[in-house]
Amino acid sequence: MDDAEVEQPQRYPVLALGDEELLKEILSLLGKSVSPAADPYSDDGSYAAAIASLPAGLRAMAATHHLDISLTMDDIGWHFLNFGEAGLVRETEAGLRELGLGEIADYFMEAHAIVSPLKPEIKEADDYYDCLESRGLMARIDELTDKASATRPILSGSPIYAAWIRYARVHPEKVFVS
């Protein structure tokens, strides 16, 4: 073990935790670091503005957190109906790339290119599926969702959370800043 490996747990004691416990600490840190007034569902840009001053790694995690939820609860296309504000979309793509998830970033941006032009036509939940199905696009959204969700490794059912842990262990100075 070299000096750098010994130094990190001493400087960042949180790194001694197991992966699941470290994930809980990161989620707690995000809760403390992002203003509750910042609304990721809004088109006002408040969420992107609120995370802009965070350290690079924590910012990437804040930006990708809602995508993780979308992949679990809905699909990658539906994500843009909830979290489609342009600044947040840019932050999410940049965050995925910062975390080493370039393939997921590519799937994300392809889904964005599919869904964004159709948003004015989607007034209700059923409109989303009908709109994409009628254009033969729903199968591609499903494929992109499956590819993004299946990216390995996975922690707590999530490739995004697994990337957070890997990133935090390699770059704690970009996450755990006082």
C-alpha atoms as a PDB file:
ATOM      1  CA  MET A   1       0.000   0.000   0.000  1.00  0.00           C
ATOM      2  CA  ASP A   2       1.500   3.330  -0.982  1.00  0.00           C
ATOM      3  CA  ASP A   3       1.294   6.589   0.980  1.00  0.00           C
ATOM      4  CA  ALA A   4      -1.577   7.930  -1.154  1.00  0.00           C
ATOM      5  CA  GLU A   5      -3.751   4.914  -0.335  1.00  0.00           C
ATOM      6  CA  VAL A   6      -3.063   5.363   3.397  1.00  0.00           C
ATOM      7  CA  GLU A   7      -3.650   9.128   3.245  1.00  0.00           C
ATOM      8  CA  GLN A   8      -7.158   9.023   1.700  1.00  0.00           C
ATOM      9  CA  PRO A   9      -8.952   7.140   4.516  1.00  0.00           C
ATOM     10  CA  GLN A  10      -7.217   9.380   7.050  1.00  0.00           C
ATOM     11  CA  ARG A  11      -8.172  12.555   5.189  1.00  0.00           C
ATOM     12  CA  TYR A  12     -11.601  11.225   4.172  1.00  0.00           C
ATOM     13  CA  PRO A  13     -12.755   8.800   6.889  1.00  0.00           C
ATOM     14  CA  VAL A  14     -16.056   8.297   5.044  1.00  0.00           C
ATOM     15  CA  LEU A  15     -14.129   6.209   2.480  1.00  0.00           C
ATOM     16  CA  ALA A  16     -13.709   3.459   5.088  1.00  0.00           C
ATOM     17  CA  LEU A  17     -17.452   2.774   4.844  1.00  0.00           C
ATOM     18  CA  GLY A  18     -18.881  -0.009   2.719  1.00  0.00           C
ATOM     19  CA  ASP A  19     -20.467   0.913  -0.603  1.00  0.00           C
ATOM     20  CA  GLU A  20     -24.083   1.045   0.627  1.00  0.00           C
ATOM     21  CA  GLU A  21     -23.119   3.166   3.650  1.00  0.00           C
ATOM     22  CA  LEU A  22     -21.025   5.473   1.478  1.00  0.00           C
ATOM     23  CA  LEU A  23     -24.005   5.897  -0.854  1.00  0.00           C
ATOM     24  CA  LYS A  24     -26.153   6.938   2.127  1.00  0.00           C
ATOM     25  CA  GLU A  25     -23.514   9.497   3.128  1.00  0.00           C
ATOM     26  CA  ILE A  26     -23.404  10.929  -0.401  1.00  0.00           C
ATOM     27  CA  LEU A  27     -27.202  11.171  -0.537  1.00  0.00           C
ATOM     28  CA  SER A  28     -27.170  12.925   2.837  1.00  0.00           C
ATOM     29  CA  LEU A  29     -24.470  15.324   1.628  1.00  0.00           C
ATOM     30  CA  LEU A  30     -26.531  16.098  -1.477  1.00  0.00           C
ATOM     31  CA  GLY A  31     -29.546  16.838   0.721  1.00  0.00           C
ATOM     32  CA  LYS A  32     -27.482  19.343   2.691  1.00  0.00           C
ATOM     33  CA  SER A  33     -25.721  20.859  -0.330  1.00  0.00           C
ATOM     34  CA  VAL A  34     -28.622  21.607  -2.673  1.00  0.00           C
ATOM     35  CA  SER A  35     -31.082  24.288  -1.636  1.00  0.00           C
ATOM     36  CA  PRO A  36     -34.601  22.950  -1.077  1.00  0.00           C
ATOM     37  CA  ALA A  37     -35.815  25.997  -3.033  1.00  0.00           C
ATOM     38  CA  ALA A  38     -34.145  24.596  -6.155  1.00  0.00           C
ATOM     39  CA  ASP A  39     -36.816  22.669  -8.021  1.00  0.00           C
ATOM     40  CA  PRO A  40     -35.572  20.046 -10.495  1.00  0.00           C
ATOM     41  CA  TYR A  41     -39.117  19.696 -11.897  1.00  0.00           C
ATOM     42  CA  SER A  42     -39.313  23.388 -12.804  1.00  0.00           C
ATOM     43  CA  ASP A  43     -38.385  24.972 -16.106  1.00  0.00           C
ATOM     44  CA  ASP A  44     -37.019  28.036 -14.262  1.00  0.00           C
ATOM     45  CA  GLY A  45     -33.401  26.794 -14.156  1.00  0.00           C
ATOM     46  CA  SER A  46     -33.260  26.970 -10.363  1.00  0.00           C
ATOM     47  CA  TYR A  47     -31.902  23.467  -9.899  1.00  0.00           C
ATOM     48  CA  ALA A  48     -29.084  23.844 -12.439  1.00  0.00           C
ATOM     49  CA  ALA A  49     -28.206  27.197 -10.878  1.00  0.00           C
ATOM     50  CA  ALA A  50     -28.211  25.719  -7.370  1.00  0.00           C
ATOM     51  CA  ILE A  51     -25.782  22.930  -8.225  1.00  0.00           C
ATOM     52  CA  ALA A  52     -23.454  25.091 -10.360  1.00  0.00           C
ATOM     53  CA  SER A  53     -21.195  26.017  -7.437  1.00  0.00           C
ATOM     54  CA  LEU A  54     -20.793  22.479  -6.081  1.00  0.00           C
ATOM     55  CA  PRO A  55     -17.477  20.650  -6.469  1.00  0.00           C
ATOM     56  CA  ALA A  56     -17.291  18.787  -9.808  1.00  0.00           C
ATOM     57  CA  GLY A  57     -18.065  15.321  -8.456  1.00  0.00           C
ATOM     58  CA  LEU A  58     -20.867  16.355  -6.130  1.00  0.00           C
ATOM     59  CA  ARG A  59     -22.322  18.493  -8.912  1.00  0.00           C
ATOM     60  CA  ALA A  60     -22.275  15.478 -11.252  1.00  0.00           C
ATOM     61  CA  MET A  61     -24.039  13.399  -8.615  1.00  0.00           C
ATOM     62  CA  ALA A  62     -26.681  16.064  -8.013  1.00  0.00           C
ATOM     63  CA  ALA A  63     -27.294  16.334 -11.758  1.00  0.00           C
ATOM     64  CA  THR A  64     -27.591  12.577 -12.322  1.00  0.00           C
ATOM     65  CA  HIS A  65     -29.658  11.687  -9.262  1.00  0.00           C
ATOM     66  CA  HIS A  66     -32.995  12.370 -10.939  1.00  0.00           C
ATOM     67  CA  LEU A  67     -32.021  10.370 -14.020  1.00  0.00           C
ATOM     68  CA  ASP A  68     -31.385   7.402 -11.765  1.00  0.00           C
ATOM     69  CA  ILE A  69     -34.907   7.766 -10.395  1.00  0.00           C
ATOM     70  CA  SER A  70     -36.351   8.062 -13.918  1.00  0.00           C
ATOM     71  CA  LEU A  71     -34.594   4.889 -15.055  1.00  0.00           C
ATOM     72  CA  THR A  72     -36.001   3.066 -12.033  1.00  0.00           C
ATOM     73  CA  MET A  73     -39.544   4.453 -12.089  1.00  0.00           C
ATOM     74  CA  ASP A  74     -40.246   5.349 -15.732  1.00  0.00           C
ATOM     75  CA  ASP A  75     -37.985   5.383 -18.761  1.00  0.00           C
ATOM     76  CA  ILE A  76     -35.211   7.516 -20.176  1.00  0.00           C
ATOM     77  CA  GLY A  77     -37.617   9.454 -22.406  1.00  0.00           C
ATOM     78  CA  TRP A  78     -40.136  10.192 -19.663  1.00  0.00           C
ATOM     79  CA  HIS A  79     -37.263  11.758 -17.716  1.00  0.00           C
ATOM     80  CA  PHE A  80     -37.423  14.807 -19.986  1.00  0.00           C
ATOM     81  CA  LEU A  81     -41.096  15.386 -19.188  1.00  0.00           C
ATOM     82  CA  ASN A  82     -40.155  15.765 -15.517  1.00  0.00           C
ATOM     83  CA  PHE A  83     -36.600  17.108 -15.719  1.00  0.00           C
ATOM     84  CA  GLY A  84     -36.323  18.638 -19.177  1.00  0.00           C
ATOM     85  CA  GLU A  85     -35.123  22.145 -18.335  1.00  0.00           C
ATOM     86  CA  ALA A  86     -32.264  22.911 -20.743  1.00  0.00           C
ATOM     87  CA  GLY A  87     -29.696  23.766 -18.059  1.00  0.00           C
ATOM     88  CA  LEU A  88     -30.436  20.612 -16.115  1.00  0.00           C
ATOM     89  CA  VAL A  89     -30.213  18.510 -19.280  1.00  0.00           C
ATOM     90  CA  ARG A  90     -26.744  19.984 -19.955  1.00  0.00           C
ATOM     91  CA  GLU A  91     -25.705  19.406 -16.332  1.00  0.00           C
ATOM     92  CA  THR A  92     -26.938  15.811 -16.446  1.00  0.00           C
ATOM     93  CA  GLU A  93     -25.038  15.016 -19.631  1.00  0.00           C
ATOM     94  CA  ALA A  94     -21.879  16.651 -18.255  1.00  0.00           C
ATOM     95  CA  GLY A  95     -22.380  14.838 -14.945  1.00  0.00           C
ATOM     96  CA  LEU A  96     -22.676  11.456 -16.615  1.00  0.00           C
ATOM     97  CA  ARG A  97     -19.449  12.117 -18.515  1.00  0.00           C
ATOM     98  CA  GLU A  98     -17.658  13.358 -15.368  1.00  0.00           C
ATOM     99  CA  LEU A  99     -18.670  10.134 -13.615  1.00  0.00           C
ATOM    100  CA  GLY A 100     -17.282   8.003 -16.447  1.00  0.00           C
ATOM    101  CA  LEU A 101     -20.699   7.084 -17.844  1.00  0.00           C
ATOM    102  CA  GLY A 102     -20.147   8.235 -21.414  1.00  0.00           C
ATOM    103  CA  GLU A 103     -22.337   5.511 -22.926  1.00  0.00           C
ATOM    104  CA  ILE A 104     -25.255   6.435 -20.689  1.00  0.00           C
ATOM    105  CA  ALA A 105     -24.663  10.097 -21.617  1.00  0.00           C
ATOM    106  CA  ASP A 106     -24.958   9.119 -25.284  1.00  0.00           C
ATOM    107  CA  TYR A 107     -28.223   7.208 -24.644  1.00  0.00           C
ATOM    108  CA  PHE A 108     -29.481  10.156 -22.598  1.00  0.00           C
ATOM    109  CA  MET A 109     -28.812  12.668 -25.361  1.00  0.00           C
ATOM    110  CA  GLU A 110     -30.349  10.440 -28.021  1.00  0.00           C
ATOM    111  CA  ALA A 111     -33.497  10.118 -25.910  1.00  0.00           C
ATOM    112  CA  HIS A 112     -33.497  13.886 -25.438  1.00  0.00           C
ATOM    113  CA  ALA A 113     -33.331  14.391 -29.206  1.00  0.00           C
ATOM    114  CA  ILE A 114     -36.314  12.050 -29.624  1.00  0.00           C
ATOM    115  CA  VAL A 115     -38.560  13.451 -26.877  1.00  0.00           C
ATOM    116  CA  SER A 116     -37.817  17.191 -26.845  1.00  0.00           C
ATOM    117  CA  PRO A 117     -39.444  18.074 -30.184  1.00  0.00           C
ATOM    118  CA  LEU A 118     -42.565  16.135 -29.148  1.00  0.00           C
ATOM    119  CA  LYS A 119     -43.039  17.753 -25.723  1.00  0.00           C
ATOM    120  CA  PRO A 120     -45.576  20.343 -26.977  1.00  0.00           C
ATOM    121  CA  GLU A 121     -47.832  17.488 -28.126  1.00  0.00           C
ATOM    122  CA  ILE A 122     -47.654  15.637 -24.800  1.00  0.00           C
ATOM    123  CA  LYS A 123     -50.282  17.071 -22.461  1.00  0.00           C
ATOM    124  CA  GLU A 124     -51.081  13.953 -20.379  1.00  0.00           C
ATOM    125  CA  ALA A 125     -49.312  10.701 -19.499  1.00  0.00           C
ATOM    126  CA  ASP A 126     -51.145   8.691 -22.162  1.00  0.00           C
ATOM    127  CA  ASP A 127     -50.114  11.222 -24.802  1.00  0.00           C
ATOM    128  CA  TYR A 128     -46.459  10.311 -24.248  1.00  0.00           C
ATOM    129  CA  TYR A 129     -46.891   6.660 -25.185  1.00  0.00           C
ATOM    130  CA  ASP A 130     -49.347   7.371 -28.001  1.00  0.00           C
ATOM    131  CA  CYS A 131     -47.137  10.092 -29.451  1.00  0.00           C
ATOM    132  CA  LEU A 132     -43.993   7.962 -29.455  1.00  0.00           C
ATOM    133  CA  GLU A 133     -45.787   4.787 -30.582  1.00  0.00           C
ATOM    134  CA  SER A 134     -47.465   6.564 -33.500  1.00  0.00           C
ATOM    135  CA  ARG A 135     -44.030   7.616 -34.759  1.00  0.00           C
ATOM    136  CA  GLY A 136     -42.384   4.245 -34.154  1.00  0.00           C
ATOM    137  CA  LEU A 137     -40.121   5.756 -31.476  1.00  0.00           C
ATOM    138  CA  MET A 138     -41.241   3.980 -28.310  1.00  0.00           C
ATOM    139  CA  ALA A 139     -39.222   0.852 -29.100  1.00  0.00           C
ATOM    140  CA  ARG A 140     -36.055   2.946 -29.352  1.00  0.00           C
ATOM    141  CA  ILE A 141     -36.795   4.682 -26.035  1.00  0.00           C
ATOM    142  CA  ASP A 142     -37.307   1.252 -24.449  1.00  0.00           C
ATOM    143  CA  GLU A 143     -34.018   0.057 -25.932  1.00  0.00           C
ATOM    144  CA  LEU A 144     -32.135   3.123 -24.667  1.00  0.00           C
ATOM    145  CA  THR A 145     -33.667   2.662 -21.208  1.00  0.00           C
ATOM    146  CA  ASP A 146     -32.660  -0.999 -21.140  1.00  0.00           C
ATOM    147  CA  LYS A 147     -29.108  -0.213 -22.258  1.00  0.00           C
ATOM    148  CA  ALA A 148     -28.694   2.558 -19.687  1.00  0.00           C
ATOM    149  CA  SER A 149     -30.159   0.439 -16.897  1.00  0.00           C
ATOM    150  CA  ALA A 150     -28.022  -2.589 -17.771  1.00  0.00           C
ATOM    151  CA  THR A 151     -24.688  -0.744 -17.664  1.00  0.00           C
ATOM    152  CA  ARG A 152     -22.407  -2.501 -15.178  1.00  0.00           C
ATOM    153  CA  PRO A 153     -21.445  -2.434 -12.367  1.00  0.00           C
ATOM    154  CA  ILE A 154     -24.638  -1.871 -10.415  1.00  0.00           C
ATOM    155  CA  LEU A 155     -25.133  -0.778  -6.796  1.00  0.00           C
ATOM    156  CA  SER A 156     -28.628  -0.730  -5.269  1.00  0.00           C
ATOM    157  CA  GLY A 157     -29.938  -1.626  -8.734  1.00  0.00           C
ATOM    158  CA  SER A 158     -28.253   1.409 -10.276  1.00  0.00           C
ATOM    159  CA  PRO A 159     -25.294   1.870 -12.594  1.00  0.00           C
ATOM    160  CA  ILE A 160     -25.381   5.581 -11.725  1.00  0.00           C
ATOM    161  CA  TYR A 161     -25.043   4.957  -7.985  1.00  0.00           C
ATOM    162  CA  ALA A 162     -22.225   2.467  -8.659  1.00  0.00           C
ATOM    163  CA  ALA A 163     -20.430   5.207 -10.615  1.00  0.00           C
ATOM    164  CA  TRP A 164     -20.916   7.633  -7.711  1.00  0.00           C
ATOM    165  CA  ILE A 165     -19.168   5.219  -5.333  1.00  0.00           C
ATOM    166  CA  ARG A 166     -16.330   4.480  -7.743  1.00  0.00           C
ATOM    167  CA  TYR A 167     -15.872   8.209  -8.392  1.00  0.00           C
ATOM    168  CA  ALA A 168     -15.979   9.161  -4.685  1.00  0.00           C
ATOM    169  CA  ARG A 169     -13.312   6.584  -3.864  1.00  0.00           C
ATOM    170  CA  VAL A 170     -11.003   7.782  -6.666  1.00  0.00           C
ATOM    171  CA  HIS A 171     -11.717  11.542  -6.405  1.00  0.00           C
ATOM    172  CA  PRO A 172     -12.898  12.256  -2.836  1.00  0.00           C
ATOM    173  CA  GLU A 173     -11.540  15.799  -3.117  1.00  0.00           C
ATOM    174  CA  LYS A 174     -14.197  16.493  -5.792  1.00  0.00           C
ATOM    175  CA  VAL A 175     -17.030  15.229  -3.577  1.00  0.00           C
ATOM    176  CA  PHE A 176     -16.235  15.712   0.114  1.00  0.00           C
ATOM    177  CA  VAL A 177     -15.207  19.353   0.262  1.00  0.00           C
ATOM    178  CA  SER A 178     -15.752  21.295   3.463  1.00  0.00           C
END
